[in-house]
Amino acid sequence: MFGKLGIYITILVLVFLFYLVIALGAGVFSKRKKKPEVKKYIRSVNILLVFIIIVGTFLMLFL
């Protein structure tokens, strides 16, 4: 049904939407000062999302 590129684009779109939802919920785009816990949480989420993108790229290129 989908080719490798279609699946990869779908993964990227879902990761981007996931980041937007998490960032909005954590208040990343608000103008008030962020707590250190929120900054640490967002950094962890970013690491997780980068890992998902790397794994998706690896799977698309080598499978």
N, C-alpha and C. Protein backbone atom coordinates (compact mmCIF):
# COMPACT_ATOMS: atom_id res chain seq x y z
N MET A 1 0.84 -1.18 0.00
CA MET A 1 0.00 0.00 0.00
C MET A 1 0.89 1.25 0.00
N PHE A 2 1.68 1.44 1.07
CA PHE A 2 2.63 2.54 1.11
C PHE A 2 4.01 2.01 0.78
N GLY A 3 4.80 2.84 0.15
CA GLY A 3 6.20 2.49 -0.05
C GLY A 3 7.00 2.89 1.16
N LYS A 4 8.29 2.65 1.07
CA LYS A 4 9.16 3.00 2.19
C LYS A 4 9.13 4.50 2.46
N LEU A 5 9.15 5.29 1.41
CA LEU A 5 9.16 6.74 1.58
C LEU A 5 7.86 7.23 2.22
N GLY A 6 6.74 6.65 1.84
CA GLY A 6 5.45 7.03 2.43
C GLY A 6 5.40 6.73 3.91
N ILE A 7 5.92 5.58 4.29
CA ILE A 7 5.95 5.21 5.70
C ILE A 7 6.88 6.14 6.48
N TYR A 8 8.02 6.48 5.89
CA TYR A 8 8.97 7.37 6.55
C TYR A 8 8.38 8.77 6.73
N ILE A 9 7.71 9.27 5.73
CA ILE A 9 7.07 10.58 5.83
C ILE A 9 5.98 10.55 6.90
N THR A 10 5.24 9.45 6.97
CA THR A 10 4.21 9.30 8.00
C THR A 10 4.84 9.31 9.40
N ILE A 11 5.96 8.63 9.56
CA ILE A 11 6.66 8.63 10.85
C ILE A 11 7.10 10.03 11.22
N LEU A 12 7.66 10.77 10.26
CA LEU A 12 8.11 12.14 10.53
C LEU A 12 6.95 13.05 10.91
N VAL A 13 5.83 12.93 10.23
CA VAL A 13 4.66 13.75 10.54
C VAL A 13 4.13 13.41 11.94
N LEU A 14 4.06 12.13 12.26
CA LEU A 14 3.59 11.74 13.59
C LEU A 14 4.53 12.22 14.70
N VAL A 15 5.82 12.15 14.46
CA VAL A 15 6.79 12.64 15.45
C VAL A 15 6.62 14.14 15.64
N PHE A 16 6.45 14.88 14.55
CA PHE A 16 6.26 16.33 14.65
C PHE A 16 4.97 16.66 15.41
N LEU A 17 3.89 15.96 15.12
CA LEU A 17 2.63 16.20 15.83
C LEU A 17 2.76 15.84 17.31
N PHE A 18 3.45 14.76 17.60
CA PHE A 18 3.68 14.36 18.99
C PHE A 18 4.46 15.45 19.72
N TYR A 19 5.49 15.99 19.07
CA TYR A 19 6.26 17.06 19.70
C TYR A 19 5.39 18.29 19.96
N LEU A 20 4.56 18.66 18.99
CA LEU A 20 3.69 19.82 19.18
C LEU A 20 2.75 19.63 20.37
N VAL A 21 2.15 18.47 20.48
CA VAL A 21 1.22 18.20 21.57
C VAL A 21 1.94 18.25 22.91
N ILE A 22 3.10 17.61 22.99
CA ILE A 22 3.86 17.61 24.25
C ILE A 22 4.33 19.02 24.59
N ALA A 23 4.81 19.75 23.61
CA ALA A 23 5.32 21.10 23.85
C ALA A 23 4.19 22.04 24.29
N LEU A 24 3.05 21.94 23.66
CA LEU A 24 1.91 22.78 24.06
C LEU A 24 1.46 22.43 25.48
N GLY A 25 1.43 21.16 25.79
CA GLY A 25 1.03 20.74 27.14
C GLY A 25 2.02 21.16 28.21
N ALA A 26 3.30 21.22 27.85
CA ALA A 26 4.32 21.60 28.83
C ALA A 26 4.50 23.11 28.89
N GLY A 27 3.88 23.84 28.00
CA GLY A 27 3.98 25.30 28.03
C GLY A 27 5.26 25.84 27.43
N VAL A 28 5.82 25.15 26.45
CA VAL A 28 7.06 25.59 25.83
C VAL A 28 6.87 26.92 25.09
N PHE A 29 5.71 27.11 24.50
CA PHE A 29 5.48 28.30 23.69
C PHE A 29 4.91 29.47 24.49
N SER A 30 4.76 29.31 25.80
CA SER A 30 4.25 30.42 26.61
C SER A 30 5.39 31.39 26.93
N LYS A 31 5.02 32.60 27.30
CA LYS A 31 6.03 33.64 27.53
C LYS A 31 6.57 33.63 28.96
N ARG A 32 5.92 32.92 29.85
CA ARG A 32 6.41 32.92 31.23
C ARG A 32 7.64 32.01 31.37
N LYS A 33 8.33 32.16 32.46
CA LYS A 33 9.56 31.42 32.69
C LYS A 33 9.26 29.93 32.92
N LYS A 34 10.10 29.08 32.32
CA LYS A 34 9.91 27.64 32.45
C LYS A 34 10.66 27.10 33.66
N LYS A 35 10.06 26.14 34.30
CA LYS A 35 10.70 25.49 35.45
C LYS A 35 11.79 24.54 34.94
N PRO A 36 12.80 24.27 35.75
CA PRO A 36 13.87 23.35 35.33
C PRO A 36 13.35 21.94 35.03
N GLU A 37 12.30 21.52 35.75
CA GLU A 37 11.74 20.19 35.50
C GLU A 37 11.14 20.11 34.11
N VAL A 38 10.49 21.19 33.67
CA VAL A 38 9.89 21.20 32.33
C VAL A 38 10.98 21.19 31.27
N LYS A 39 12.04 21.94 31.49
CA LYS A 39 13.15 21.95 30.53
C LYS A 39 13.77 20.57 30.41
N LYS A 40 13.94 19.90 31.55
CA LYS A 40 14.52 18.56 31.54
C LYS A 40 13.58 17.58 30.82
N TYR A 41 12.29 17.71 31.05
CA TYR A 41 11.30 16.85 30.42
C TYR A 41 11.31 17.05 28.90
N ILE A 42 11.32 18.29 28.45
CA ILE A 42 11.32 18.57 27.01
C ILE A 42 12.61 18.06 26.37
N ARG A 43 13.73 18.20 27.06
CA ARG A 43 14.99 17.68 26.53
C ARG A 43 14.92 16.15 26.37
N SER A 44 14.33 15.48 27.34
CA SER A 44 14.17 14.02 27.26
C SER A 44 13.25 13.63 26.12
N VAL A 45 12.18 14.39 25.93
CA VAL A 45 11.26 14.11 24.83
C VAL A 45 11.97 14.31 23.50
N ASN A 46 12.79 15.36 23.39
CA ASN A 46 13.53 15.60 22.15
C ASN A 46 14.50 14.46 21.85
N ILE A 47 15.17 13.96 22.87
CA ILE A 47 16.08 12.83 22.68
C ILE A 47 15.32 11.61 22.20
N LEU A 48 14.17 11.35 22.80
CA LEU A 48 13.35 10.22 22.38
C LEU A 48 12.90 10.37 20.93
N LEU A 49 12.47 11.54 20.55
CA LEU A 49 11.98 11.76 19.19
C LEU A 49 13.12 11.65 18.17
N VAL A 50 14.29 12.15 18.51
CA VAL A 50 15.44 12.00 17.61
C VAL A 50 15.79 10.53 17.45
N PHE A 51 15.73 9.77 18.53
CA PHE A 51 15.98 8.33 18.47
C PHE A 51 14.98 7.63 17.56
N ILE A 52 13.71 8.00 17.65
CA ILE A 52 12.68 7.41 16.79
C ILE A 52 12.95 7.74 15.33
N ILE A 53 13.35 8.97 15.04
CA ILE A 53 13.65 9.35 13.66
C ILE A 53 14.87 8.59 13.14
N ILE A 54 15.89 8.42 13.97
CA ILE A 54 17.08 7.68 13.55
C ILE A 54 16.73 6.22 13.26
N VAL A 55 15.95 5.61 14.13
CA VAL A 55 15.55 4.22 13.92
C VAL A 55 14.70 4.10 12.65
N GLY A 56 13.78 5.04 12.44
CA GLY A 56 12.96 5.03 11.23
C GLY A 56 13.80 5.18 9.98
N THR A 57 14.82 6.03 10.03
CA THR A 57 15.71 6.21 8.89
C THR A 57 16.50 4.94 8.63
N PHE A 58 17.01 4.34 9.69
CA PHE A 58 17.75 3.09 9.56
C PHE A 58 16.88 2.00 8.94
N LEU A 59 15.66 1.87 9.41
CA LEU A 59 14.77 0.84 8.88
C LEU A 59 14.42 1.11 7.41
N MET A 60 14.21 2.37 7.06
CA MET A 60 13.86 2.70 5.69
C MET A 60 15.03 2.42 4.74
N LEU A 61 16.24 2.72 5.17
CA LEU A 61 17.39 2.57 4.28
C LEU A 61 17.87 1.12 4.14
N PHE A 62 17.76 0.34 5.19
CA PHE A 62 18.38 -0.99 5.17
C PHE A 62 17.42 -2.16 5.17
N LEU A 63 16.13 -1.93 5.17
CA LEU A 63 15.18 -3.04 5.10
C LEU A 63 14.35 -2.97 3.85
